[in-house]
Amino acid sequence: MGFALSACNGDDGEPAAKETPAASASAPASSEPSSESPTDDSGDGGNGGEAPAGDVTAPGTKLKVGDRAVVPFRYTSDKKGTIAVTVTAIEKGAESDMAAFGDKAKGMTPYFIKMKVENVGGTDLSYASLKLDGVLEGGAGTGVILMGDIPGKCDRETAPRDFTTKGASYETCSLAATKTTPVTGAEFDEGDTYSDSPVVWAN
């Protein structure tokens, strides 16, 4: 179905491209959302708007770019907690931006999903990495899994060393791409709770 493309930052070697059915560039997904479970009290029943800090955003919630979602997050077996994610922009790039990904990326238009990530639970999530997937106009996934970033335009950052306290935050970017329909949204689908019913941000 989908295929993965990877590009090495700053390397002149040829980036690898490989077929993959489902693997993503994000860390292992959680099968259990730590000690907190998603609740339904997200204000207007999942019709958008911000989830107040402390309230976990229900699976399937539809948000607009600029809205904040609070979700359980697991990076490794010993790094888990609760984070808030605010998608701040979904920007269209140029086909030429994909050059580092090689021939398999020809004809693809990249989209840069920019976000702010906050530590809500106050647990140690230092060096954790979050990736959101692109959503096409109409609601389908892109079918393209990208491993890497585009320096200066979409830099995928890991959480800083001090991302260990409540209120700590950092900014990062997830790269999506498509050959056909535009990417108009982004989704959080990590863990069993959200894999079938992701939280979705749309322009």
N, C-alpha and C. Protein backbone atom coordinates (compact mmCIF):
# COMPACT_ATOMS: atom_id res chain seq x y z
N MET A 1 0.85 -1.20 0.00
CA MET A 1 0.00 0.00 0.00
C MET A 1 0.88 1.25 0.00
N GLY A 2 1.32 1.68 1.19
CA GLY A 2 2.18 2.84 1.26
C GLY A 2 3.62 2.45 1.06
N PHE A 3 4.47 3.43 0.91
CA PHE A 3 5.90 3.12 0.83
C PHE A 3 6.66 4.17 1.60
N ALA A 4 7.83 3.78 2.06
CA ALA A 4 8.62 4.69 2.89
C ALA A 4 9.74 5.30 2.08
N LEU A 5 10.01 6.54 2.37
CA LEU A 5 11.13 7.23 1.78
C LEU A 5 11.97 7.76 2.93
N SER A 6 13.27 7.66 2.82
CA SER A 6 14.10 8.22 3.88
C SER A 6 15.18 9.08 3.27
N ALA A 7 15.52 10.14 3.97
CA ALA A 7 16.58 11.03 3.51
C ALA A 7 17.49 11.34 4.67
N CYS A 8 18.79 11.31 4.44
CA CYS A 8 19.75 11.59 5.50
C CYS A 8 20.10 13.07 5.46
N ASN A 9 20.00 13.73 6.59
CA ASN A 9 20.32 15.15 6.65
C ASN A 9 21.81 15.37 6.51
N GLY A 10 22.19 16.21 5.57
CA GLY A 10 23.58 16.60 5.45
C GLY A 10 24.49 15.57 4.83
N ASP A 11 23.95 14.43 4.42
CA ASP A 11 24.77 13.40 3.80
C ASP A 11 24.68 13.52 2.30
N ASP A 12 25.80 13.25 1.62
CA ASP A 12 25.76 13.28 0.17
C ASP A 12 25.46 11.90 -0.40
N GLY A 13 25.41 10.88 0.47
CA GLY A 13 25.11 9.54 0.01
C GLY A 13 23.68 9.46 -0.48
N GLU A 14 23.41 8.47 -1.26
CA GLU A 14 22.07 8.34 -1.84
C GLU A 14 21.09 7.88 -0.78
N PRO A 15 20.00 8.62 -0.55
CA PRO A 15 19.02 8.21 0.45
C PRO A 15 18.37 6.89 0.06
N ALA A 16 18.01 6.13 1.05
CA ALA A 16 17.36 4.84 0.80
C ALA A 16 15.86 5.03 0.68
N ALA A 17 15.25 4.22 -0.15
CA ALA A 17 13.80 4.19 -0.26
C ALA A 17 13.38 2.74 -0.21
N LYS A 18 12.38 2.44 0.59
CA LYS A 18 11.99 1.03 0.71
C LYS A 18 10.49 0.89 0.83
N GLU A 19 10.01 -0.28 0.46
CA GLU A 19 8.60 -0.58 0.60
C GLU A 19 8.32 -0.93 2.06
N THR A 20 7.18 -0.47 2.55
CA THR A 20 6.79 -0.86 3.90
C THR A 20 5.28 -0.79 4.00
N PRO A 21 4.64 -1.76 4.65
CA PRO A 21 3.20 -1.74 4.72
C PRO A 21 2.65 -0.75 5.75
N ALA A 22 3.34 -0.57 6.88
CA ALA A 22 2.75 0.26 7.91
C ALA A 22 3.72 1.00 8.80
N ALA A 23 4.97 0.65 8.78
CA ALA A 23 5.90 1.25 9.73
C ALA A 23 5.98 2.75 9.52
N SER A 24 6.08 3.48 10.61
CA SER A 24 6.21 4.93 10.50
C SER A 24 7.50 5.37 11.14
N ALA A 25 7.81 6.64 10.97
CA ALA A 25 9.05 7.16 11.52
C ALA A 25 8.92 7.47 13.00
N SER A 26 7.73 7.36 13.54
CA SER A 26 7.56 7.68 14.94
C SER A 26 8.00 6.51 15.81
N ALA A 27 8.07 6.77 17.09
CA ALA A 27 8.49 5.75 18.03
C ALA A 27 7.40 4.71 18.18
N PRO A 28 7.72 3.58 18.87
CA PRO A 28 6.71 2.55 19.07
C PRO A 28 5.45 3.14 19.68
N ALA A 29 4.31 2.76 19.13
CA ALA A 29 3.05 3.33 19.60
C ALA A 29 2.62 2.66 20.89
N SER A 30 1.85 3.38 21.65
CA SER A 30 1.38 2.86 22.92
C SER A 30 0.22 1.91 22.71
N SER A 31 0.17 0.86 23.50
CA SER A 31 -0.99 0.01 23.47
C SER A 31 -1.90 0.34 24.64
N GLU A 32 -1.37 1.02 25.65
CA GLU A 32 -2.16 1.46 26.78
C GLU A 32 -1.83 2.92 27.08
N PRO A 33 -2.82 3.77 27.28
CA PRO A 33 -2.55 5.19 27.50
C PRO A 33 -2.19 5.52 28.93
N SER A 34 -1.12 5.00 29.45
CA SER A 34 -0.64 5.19 30.81
C SER A 34 -1.80 5.07 31.79
N SER A 35 -1.90 5.99 32.72
CA SER A 35 -2.92 5.85 33.75
C SER A 35 -4.18 6.64 33.43
N GLU A 36 -4.17 7.33 32.32
CA GLU A 36 -5.31 8.16 32.00
C GLU A 36 -6.05 7.62 30.79
N SER A 37 -7.35 7.68 30.85
CA SER A 37 -8.15 7.20 29.74
C SER A 37 -8.84 8.37 29.07
N PRO A 38 -9.05 8.27 27.76
CA PRO A 38 -9.76 9.35 27.08
C PRO A 38 -11.15 9.52 27.65
N THR A 39 -11.60 10.74 27.77
CA THR A 39 -12.92 11.00 28.30
C THR A 39 -13.76 11.68 27.24
N ASP A 40 -15.05 11.70 27.50
CA ASP A 40 -15.96 12.29 26.55
C ASP A 40 -16.29 13.74 26.88
N ASP A 41 -15.73 14.25 28.00
CA ASP A 41 -16.11 15.59 28.38
C ASP A 41 -15.20 16.63 27.76
N SER A 42 -15.14 16.62 26.43
CA SER A 42 -14.31 17.60 25.73
C SER A 42 -15.17 18.73 25.19
N GLY A 43 -16.05 19.21 26.07
CA GLY A 43 -16.81 20.40 25.71
C GLY A 43 -17.99 20.08 24.83
N ASP A 44 -17.87 20.25 23.53
CA ASP A 44 -19.02 20.15 22.64
C ASP A 44 -19.08 18.80 21.93
N GLY A 45 -18.66 17.74 22.62
CA GLY A 45 -18.85 16.42 22.06
C GLY A 45 -17.97 16.11 20.89
N GLY A 46 -16.80 16.71 20.80
CA GLY A 46 -15.88 16.36 19.72
C GLY A 46 -16.10 17.17 18.47
N ASN A 47 -16.77 18.29 18.59
CA ASN A 47 -17.03 19.11 17.42
C ASN A 47 -15.98 20.17 17.18
N GLY A 48 -14.82 20.01 17.77
CA GLY A 48 -13.78 21.01 17.56
C GLY A 48 -13.60 21.84 18.80
N GLY A 49 -12.76 22.84 18.71
CA GLY A 49 -12.43 23.65 19.85
C GLY A 49 -11.35 23.01 20.67
N GLU A 50 -10.85 23.74 21.64
CA GLU A 50 -9.76 23.24 22.45
C GLU A 50 -10.25 22.36 23.58
N ALA A 51 -9.45 21.34 23.89
CA ALA A 51 -9.69 20.57 25.10
C ALA A 51 -8.95 21.27 26.22
N PRO A 52 -9.63 21.59 27.31
CA PRO A 52 -8.94 22.26 28.41
C PRO A 52 -7.79 21.41 28.93
N ALA A 53 -6.73 22.06 29.41
CA ALA A 53 -5.58 21.33 29.94
C ALA A 53 -6.04 20.39 31.03
N GLY A 54 -5.59 19.16 30.98
CA GLY A 54 -5.98 18.17 31.98
C GLY A 54 -7.04 17.22 31.48
N ASP A 55 -7.90 17.66 30.58
CA ASP A 55 -8.92 16.79 30.00
C ASP A 55 -8.36 16.13 28.76
N VAL A 56 -8.41 14.81 28.71
CA VAL A 56 -7.88 14.10 27.55
C VAL A 56 -8.88 14.19 26.41
N THR A 57 -8.40 14.51 25.23
CA THR A 57 -9.25 14.66 24.05
C THR A 57 -9.74 13.29 23.57
N ALA A 58 -11.02 13.18 23.36
CA ALA A 58 -11.62 11.91 22.98
C ALA A 58 -11.17 11.46 21.60
N PRO A 59 -11.00 10.14 21.39
CA PRO A 59 -10.73 9.63 20.05
C PRO A 59 -11.80 10.10 19.07
N GLY A 60 -11.38 10.40 17.84
CA GLY A 60 -12.33 10.83 16.82
C GLY A 60 -12.65 12.32 16.83
N THR A 61 -12.06 13.06 17.77
CA THR A 61 -12.33 14.49 17.85
C THR A 61 -11.81 15.21 16.60
N LYS A 62 -12.61 16.10 16.05
CA LYS A 62 -12.23 16.89 14.89
C LYS A 62 -11.87 18.30 15.35
N LEU A 63 -10.69 18.74 15.01
CA LEU A 63 -10.21 20.05 15.42
C LEU A 63 -9.83 20.89 14.20
N LYS A 64 -9.63 22.16 14.44
CA LYS A 64 -9.11 23.05 13.40
C LYS A 64 -7.64 23.34 13.69
N VAL A 65 -6.88 23.66 12.65
CA VAL A 65 -5.49 24.08 12.84
C VAL A 65 -5.48 25.24 13.83
N GLY A 66 -4.64 25.14 14.83
CA GLY A 66 -4.60 26.13 15.90
C GLY A 66 -5.21 25.63 17.19
N ASP A 67 -6.00 24.55 17.11
CA ASP A 67 -6.61 23.97 18.31
C ASP A 67 -5.63 23.04 19.02
N ARG A 68 -5.86 22.82 20.29
CA ARG A 68 -4.99 22.03 21.16
C ARG A 68 -5.69 20.74 21.56
N ALA A 69 -4.98 19.62 21.45
CA ALA A 69 -5.50 18.33 21.89
C ALA A 69 -4.59 17.79 22.99
N VAL A 70 -5.18 17.19 24.01
CA VAL A 70 -4.44 16.55 25.09
C VAL A 70 -4.60 15.04 24.92
N VAL A 71 -3.49 14.33 24.78
CA VAL A 71 -3.55 12.90 24.47
C VAL A 71 -2.53 12.12 25.28
N PRO A 72 -2.83 10.85 25.58
CA PRO A 72 -1.83 9.99 26.21
C PRO A 72 -0.74 9.67 25.20
N PHE A 73 0.48 9.55 25.66
CA PHE A 73 1.60 9.37 24.75
C PHE A 73 2.60 8.40 25.36
N ARG A 74 3.07 7.49 24.53
CA ARG A 74 4.09 6.54 24.96
C ARG A 74 5.19 6.50 23.92
N TYR A 75 6.40 6.77 24.34
CA TYR A 75 7.53 6.78 23.41
C TYR A 75 8.32 5.49 23.49
N THR A 76 8.61 5.04 24.69
CA THR A 76 9.24 3.74 24.91
C THR A 76 8.55 3.13 26.12
N SER A 77 8.98 1.94 26.50
CA SER A 77 8.33 1.28 27.63
C SER A 77 8.47 2.08 28.92
N ASP A 78 9.52 2.89 29.01
CA ASP A 78 9.71 3.66 30.24
C ASP A 78 9.50 5.16 30.06
N LYS A 79 9.05 5.60 28.89
CA LYS A 79 8.73 7.01 28.68
C LYS A 79 7.29 7.12 28.22
N LYS A 80 6.44 7.49 29.14
CA LYS A 80 5.03 7.64 28.80
C LYS A 80 4.43 8.73 29.68
N GLY A 81 3.36 9.33 29.21
CA GLY A 81 2.74 10.39 29.95
C GLY A 81 1.59 10.99 29.17
N THR A 82 1.33 12.26 29.41
CA THR A 82 0.26 12.98 28.71
C THR A 82 0.85 14.23 28.10
N ILE A 83 0.54 14.45 26.83
CA ILE A 83 1.05 15.64 26.12
C ILE A 83 -0.11 16.43 25.53
N ALA A 84 0.15 17.69 25.23
CA ALA A 84 -0.79 18.51 24.47
C ALA A 84 -0.13 18.83 23.13
N VAL A 85 -0.90 18.67 22.08
CA VAL A 85 -0.40 18.93 20.72
C VAL A 85 -1.26 20.01 20.09
N THR A 86 -0.61 21.06 19.60
CA THR A 86 -1.31 22.12 18.86
C THR A 86 -0.71 22.17 17.46
N VAL A 87 -1.50 21.82 16.45
CA VAL A 87 -1.05 21.96 15.07
C VAL A 87 -1.16 23.44 14.72
N THR A 88 -0.03 24.06 14.43
CA THR A 88 -0.01 25.51 14.20
C THR A 88 -0.12 25.88 12.71
N ALA A 89 0.25 24.95 11.82
CA ALA A 89 0.16 25.24 10.38
C ALA A 89 0.32 23.96 9.59
N ILE A 90 -0.32 23.91 8.43
CA ILE A 90 -0.09 22.86 7.44
C ILE A 90 0.26 23.61 6.15
N GLU A 91 1.54 23.59 5.79
CA GLU A 91 2.04 24.40 4.69
C GLU A 91 2.43 23.53 3.49
N LYS A 92 2.08 24.00 2.31
CA LYS A 92 2.43 23.30 1.08
C LYS A 92 3.84 23.67 0.64
N GLY A 93 4.65 22.66 0.32
CA GLY A 93 5.99 22.91 -0.21
C GLY A 93 6.02 22.76 -1.72
N ALA A 94 7.21 22.65 -2.26
CA ALA A 94 7.38 22.49 -3.71
C ALA A 94 7.95 21.10 -4.01
N GLU A 95 7.64 20.59 -5.19
CA GLU A 95 8.14 19.27 -5.56
C GLU A 95 9.67 19.21 -5.46
N SER A 96 10.33 20.31 -5.76
CA SER A 96 11.79 20.34 -5.69
C SER A 96 12.32 20.11 -4.28
N ASP A 97 11.49 20.36 -3.27
CA ASP A 97 11.91 20.14 -1.88
C ASP A 97 12.15 18.66 -1.61
N MET A 98 11.59 17.79 -2.44
CA MET A 98 11.67 16.34 -2.21
C MET A 98 12.88 15.71 -2.88
N ALA A 99 13.76 16.51 -3.46
CA ALA A 99 14.87 15.97 -4.25
C ALA A 99 15.73 14.98 -3.46
N ALA A 100 15.94 15.24 -2.17
CA ALA A 100 16.81 14.38 -1.37
C ALA A 100 16.25 12.98 -1.19
N PHE A 101 14.96 12.81 -1.45
CA PHE A 101 14.35 11.50 -1.27
C PHE A 101 14.46 10.61 -2.50
N GLY A 102 15.03 11.12 -3.58
CA GLY A 102 15.32 10.29 -4.74
C GLY A 102 14.16 10.11 -5.71
N ASP A 103 14.34 9.13 -6.62
CA ASP A 103 13.39 8.93 -7.71
C ASP A 103 11.98 8.61 -7.26
N LYS A 104 11.84 7.89 -6.14
CA LYS A 104 10.49 7.51 -5.69
C LYS A 104 9.66 8.72 -5.31
N ALA A 105 10.31 9.85 -5.05
CA ALA A 105 9.59 11.05 -4.64
C ALA A 105 9.23 11.95 -5.81
N LYS A 106 9.62 11.56 -7.02
CA LYS A 106 9.30 12.39 -8.19
C LYS A 106 7.79 12.52 -8.35
N GLY A 107 7.35 13.75 -8.57
CA GLY A 107 5.92 14.00 -8.73
C GLY A 107 5.19 14.23 -7.43
N MET A 108 5.88 14.14 -6.32
CA MET A 108 5.24 14.33 -5.02
C MET A 108 5.35 15.78 -4.56
N THR A 109 4.28 16.25 -3.96
CA THR A 109 4.28 17.58 -3.34
C THR A 109 4.34 17.40 -1.83
N PRO A 110 5.31 18.02 -1.16
CA PRO A 110 5.40 17.88 0.29
C PRO A 110 4.49 18.87 1.02
N TYR A 111 4.10 18.48 2.22
CA TYR A 111 3.35 19.36 3.11
C TYR A 111 4.02 19.31 4.48
N PHE A 112 4.12 20.47 5.10
CA PHE A 112 4.82 20.60 6.37
C PHE A 112 3.80 20.80 7.48
N ILE A 113 3.70 19.80 8.37
CA ILE A 113 2.76 19.86 9.49
C ILE A 113 3.53 20.38 10.70
N LYS A 114 3.28 21.64 11.04
CA LYS A 114 4.03 22.26 12.12
C LYS A 114 3.21 22.23 13.40
N MET A 115 3.88 21.97 14.52
CA MET A 115 3.14 21.78 15.76
C MET A 115 3.94 22.19 16.98
N LYS A 116 3.22 22.49 18.03
CA LYS A 116 3.80 22.72 19.35
C LYS A 116 3.39 21.54 20.23
N VAL A 117 4.35 21.00 20.98
CA VAL A 117 4.11 19.87 21.87
C VAL A 117 4.41 20.30 23.30
N GLU A 118 3.46 20.06 24.21
CA GLU A 118 3.63 20.43 25.61
C GLU A 118 3.58 19.19 26.49
N ASN A 119 4.33 19.22 27.57
CA ASN A 119 4.31 18.15 28.56
C ASN A 119 3.23 18.50 29.58
N VAL A 120 2.13 17.77 29.54
CA VAL A 120 0.99 18.05 30.43
C VAL A 120 1.10 17.25 31.73
N GLY A 121 1.58 16.01 31.63
CA GLY A 121 1.61 15.13 32.79
C GLY A 121 2.80 15.35 33.71
N GLY A 122 3.87 15.99 33.20
CA GLY A 122 5.03 16.23 34.03
C GLY A 122 5.95 15.03 34.18
N THR A 123 5.79 14.02 33.32
CA THR A 123 6.68 12.87 33.37
C THR A 123 7.88 13.10 32.46
N ASP A 124 8.90 12.27 32.61
CA ASP A 124 10.13 12.42 31.83
C ASP A 124 9.90 11.93 30.40
N LEU A 125 9.78 12.87 29.48
CA LEU A 125 9.63 12.55 28.06
C LEU A 125 10.78 13.15 27.25
N SER A 126 11.92 13.35 27.91
CA SER A 126 13.09 13.92 27.24
C SER A 126 13.49 13.07 26.04
N TYR A 127 13.82 13.74 24.96
CA TYR A 127 14.28 13.13 23.71
C TYR A 127 13.20 12.31 22.99
N ALA A 128 11.96 12.39 23.44
CA ALA A 128 10.87 11.69 22.75
C ALA A 128 10.61 12.38 21.41
N SER A 129 10.00 11.66 20.50
CA SER A 129 9.73 12.18 19.16
C SER A 129 8.29 11.87 18.78
N LEU A 130 7.61 12.86 18.24
CA LEU A 130 6.21 12.70 17.83
C LEU A 130 6.08 12.98 16.35
N LYS A 131 5.33 12.14 15.66
CA LYS A 131 5.04 12.36 14.24
C LYS A 131 3.54 12.31 14.02
N LEU A 132 3.00 13.31 13.34
CA LEU A 132 1.61 13.29 12.91
C LEU A 132 1.56 12.91 11.44
N ASP A 133 0.52 12.20 11.05
CA ASP A 133 0.36 11.79 9.65
C ASP A 133 -0.51 12.79 8.90
N GLY A 134 -0.24 12.95 7.62
CA GLY A 134 -1.05 13.82 6.79
C GLY A 134 -2.38 13.18 6.42
N VAL A 135 -3.39 14.01 6.24
CA VAL A 135 -4.72 13.56 5.83
C VAL A 135 -5.10 14.30 4.56
N LEU A 136 -5.51 13.55 3.55
CA LEU A 136 -5.88 14.15 2.27
C LEU A 136 -7.26 14.82 2.35
N GLU A 137 -7.48 15.74 1.44
CA GLU A 137 -8.81 16.32 1.28
C GLU A 137 -9.78 15.17 1.05
N GLY A 138 -10.80 15.09 1.86
CA GLY A 138 -11.73 13.97 1.76
C GLY A 138 -11.56 12.99 2.90
N GLY A 139 -10.44 13.07 3.62
CA GLY A 139 -10.28 12.28 4.83
C GLY A 139 -9.40 11.05 4.75
N ALA A 140 -8.90 10.69 3.57
CA ALA A 140 -8.06 9.50 3.44
C ALA A 140 -6.62 9.80 3.85
N GLY A 141 -5.88 8.75 4.18
CA GLY A 141 -4.46 8.89 4.47
C GLY A 141 -3.68 9.06 3.17
N THR A 142 -2.44 9.51 3.28
CA THR A 142 -1.64 9.75 2.07
C THR A 142 -1.09 8.47 1.46
N GLY A 143 -0.91 7.42 2.26
CA GLY A 143 -0.29 6.19 1.77
C GLY A 143 1.21 6.31 1.60
N VAL A 144 1.78 7.44 2.00
CA VAL A 144 3.22 7.67 1.90
C VAL A 144 3.78 7.89 3.30
N ILE A 145 4.79 7.12 3.66
CA ILE A 145 5.42 7.24 4.96
C ILE A 145 6.82 7.79 4.77
N LEU A 146 7.06 8.95 5.30
CA LEU A 146 8.34 9.64 5.11
C LEU A 146 9.17 9.56 6.38
N MET A 147 10.43 9.19 6.22
CA MET A 147 11.36 9.16 7.34
C MET A 147 12.45 10.19 7.05
N GLY A 148 12.39 11.29 7.75
CA GLY A 148 13.35 12.35 7.52
C GLY A 148 12.67 13.70 7.59
N ASP A 149 13.38 14.73 7.19
CA ASP A 149 12.81 16.06 7.18
C ASP A 149 13.43 16.87 6.05
N ILE A 150 13.02 18.12 5.94
CA ILE A 150 13.59 19.01 4.93
C ILE A 150 14.17 20.20 5.69
N PRO A 151 15.48 20.18 5.91
CA PRO A 151 16.12 21.20 6.74
C PRO A 151 15.76 22.63 6.32
N GLY A 152 15.40 23.42 7.31
CA GLY A 152 15.05 24.81 7.06
C GLY A 152 13.61 25.03 6.69
N LYS A 153 12.91 23.94 6.30
CA LYS A 153 11.50 24.07 5.92
C LYS A 153 10.61 23.19 6.81
N CYS A 154 11.08 22.01 7.11
CA CYS A 154 10.34 21.11 8.00
C CYS A 154 11.36 20.32 8.80
N ASP A 155 11.75 20.87 9.94
CA ASP A 155 12.76 20.24 10.79
C ASP A 155 12.07 19.40 11.87
N ARG A 156 12.31 18.12 11.83
CA ARG A 156 11.72 17.24 12.84
C ARG A 156 12.60 17.24 14.08
N GLU A 157 12.10 17.82 15.14
CA GLU A 157 12.86 17.95 16.37
C GLU A 157 12.40 16.90 17.39
N THR A 158 13.33 16.45 18.20
CA THR A 158 12.96 15.62 19.35
C THR A 158 12.80 16.52 20.56
N ALA A 159 12.13 15.99 21.58
CA ALA A 159 11.94 16.78 22.80
C ALA A 159 13.29 17.09 23.42
N PRO A 160 13.45 18.28 23.99
CA PRO A 160 14.72 18.62 24.62
C PRO A 160 14.96 17.83 25.90
N ARG A 161 16.16 17.91 26.40
CA ARG A 161 16.54 17.17 27.60
C ARG A 161 15.68 17.53 28.81
N ASP A 162 15.25 18.80 28.85
CA ASP A 162 14.46 19.24 30.01
C ASP A 162 12.95 19.11 29.80
N PHE A 163 12.55 18.28 28.83
CA PHE A 163 11.12 18.03 28.61
C PHE A 163 10.63 17.01 29.64
N THR A 164 10.75 17.39 30.88
CA THR A 164 10.50 16.46 31.99
C THR A 164 9.52 17.04 33.00
N THR A 165 9.08 18.27 32.80
CA THR A 165 8.22 18.92 33.78
C THR A 165 6.94 19.43 33.14
N LYS A 166 5.93 19.58 33.94
CA LYS A 166 4.64 20.09 33.45
C LYS A 166 4.83 21.48 32.88
N GLY A 167 4.32 21.71 31.69
CA GLY A 167 4.43 23.01 31.06
C GLY A 167 5.59 23.15 30.09
N ALA A 168 6.55 22.21 30.14
CA ALA A 168 7.66 22.27 29.18
C ALA A 168 7.11 22.08 27.76
N SER A 169 7.72 22.73 26.78
CA SER A 169 7.21 22.62 25.41
C SER A 169 8.34 22.74 24.40
N TYR A 170 8.06 22.31 23.19
CA TYR A 170 8.98 22.48 22.08
C TYR A 170 8.18 22.47 20.79
N GLU A 171 8.81 22.89 19.69
CA GLU A 171 8.14 22.92 18.40
C GLU A 171 8.83 21.95 17.44
N THR A 172 8.04 21.32 16.59
CA THR A 172 8.58 20.36 15.65
C THR A 172 7.73 20.37 14.38
N CYS A 173 8.10 19.53 13.42
CA CYS A 173 7.40 19.48 12.14
C CYS A 173 7.37 18.04 11.63
N SER A 174 6.24 17.61 11.12
CA SER A 174 6.11 16.31 10.47
C SER A 174 5.94 16.54 8.97
N LEU A 175 6.61 15.72 8.19
CA LEU A 175 6.57 15.83 6.73
C LEU A 175 5.57 14.85 6.15
N ALA A 176 4.70 15.34 5.29
CA ALA A 176 3.75 14.49 4.55
C ALA A 176 3.92 14.80 3.07
N ALA A 177 3.46 13.90 2.21
CA ALA A 177 3.57 14.15 0.77
C ALA A 177 2.49 13.39 0.02
N THR A 178 2.16 13.91 -1.16
CA THR A 178 1.13 13.28 -1.98
C THR A 178 1.41 13.56 -3.46
N LYS A 179 0.96 12.67 -4.32
CA LYS A 179 1.05 12.89 -5.76
C LYS A 179 -0.27 13.37 -6.33
N THR A 180 -1.32 13.28 -5.53
CA THR A 180 -2.65 13.56 -6.08
C THR A 180 -3.37 14.64 -5.27
N THR A 181 -4.32 14.20 -4.45
CA THR A 181 -5.15 15.12 -3.68
C THR A 181 -4.33 15.89 -2.65
N PRO A 182 -4.63 17.16 -2.43
CA PRO A 182 -3.88 17.95 -1.45
C PRO A 182 -4.01 17.42 -0.03
N VAL A 183 -2.98 17.63 0.78
CA VAL A 183 -3.04 17.34 2.21
C VAL A 183 -3.68 18.55 2.88
N THR A 184 -4.79 18.31 3.56
CA THR A 184 -5.51 19.40 4.20
C THR A 184 -5.65 19.21 5.71
N GLY A 185 -5.11 18.10 6.22
CA GLY A 185 -5.25 17.83 7.64
C GLY A 185 -4.10 17.01 8.18
N ALA A 186 -4.13 16.79 9.49
CA ALA A 186 -3.13 15.99 10.18
C ALA A 186 -3.84 15.17 11.25
N GLU A 187 -3.28 14.01 11.57
CA GLU A 187 -3.94 13.17 12.56
C GLU A 187 -2.96 12.57 13.55
N PHE A 188 -3.43 12.41 14.78
CA PHE A 188 -2.73 11.68 15.84
C PHE A 188 -3.42 10.33 15.96
N ASP A 189 -2.67 9.24 15.68
CA ASP A 189 -3.29 7.91 15.69
C ASP A 189 -2.44 6.89 16.45
N GLU A 190 -1.69 7.36 17.44
CA GLU A 190 -0.80 6.46 18.18
C GLU A 190 -1.54 5.74 19.30
N GLY A 191 -1.24 4.45 19.46
CA GLY A 191 -1.87 3.66 20.51
C GLY A 191 -3.18 3.06 20.04
N ASP A 192 -3.59 1.98 20.69
CA ASP A 192 -4.81 1.28 20.29
C ASP A 192 -6.04 2.19 20.36
N THR A 193 -6.07 3.08 21.34
CA THR A 193 -7.25 3.91 21.54
C THR A 193 -7.51 4.84 20.35
N TYR A 194 -6.44 5.32 19.74
CA TYR A 194 -6.57 6.30 18.66
C TYR A 194 -6.30 5.74 17.27
N SER A 195 -5.82 4.50 17.18
CA SER A 195 -5.45 3.96 15.87
C SER A 195 -6.66 3.84 14.94
N ASP A 196 -7.81 3.48 15.48
CA ASP A 196 -9.01 3.35 14.65
C ASP A 196 -9.84 4.62 14.62
N SER A 197 -9.57 5.54 15.53
CA SER A 197 -10.37 6.76 15.62
C SER A 197 -9.45 7.92 16.02
N PRO A 198 -8.62 8.37 15.08
CA PRO A 198 -7.62 9.39 15.42
C PRO A 198 -8.23 10.76 15.70
N VAL A 199 -7.44 11.57 16.39
CA VAL A 199 -7.76 12.99 16.51
C VAL A 199 -7.27 13.65 15.23
N VAL A 200 -8.11 14.47 14.59
CA VAL A 200 -7.78 15.06 13.29
C VAL A 200 -7.89 16.58 13.35
N TRP A 201 -6.84 17.24 12.86
CA TRP A 201 -6.86 18.70 12.66
C TRP A 201 -7.03 18.97 11.17
N ALA A 202 -7.82 19.96 10.83
CA ALA A 202 -7.99 20.31 9.42
C ALA A 202 -7.98 21.83 9.26
N ASN A 203 -7.55 22.26 8.07
CA ASN A 203 -7.53 23.70 7.77
C ASN A 203 -8.95 24.25 7.68
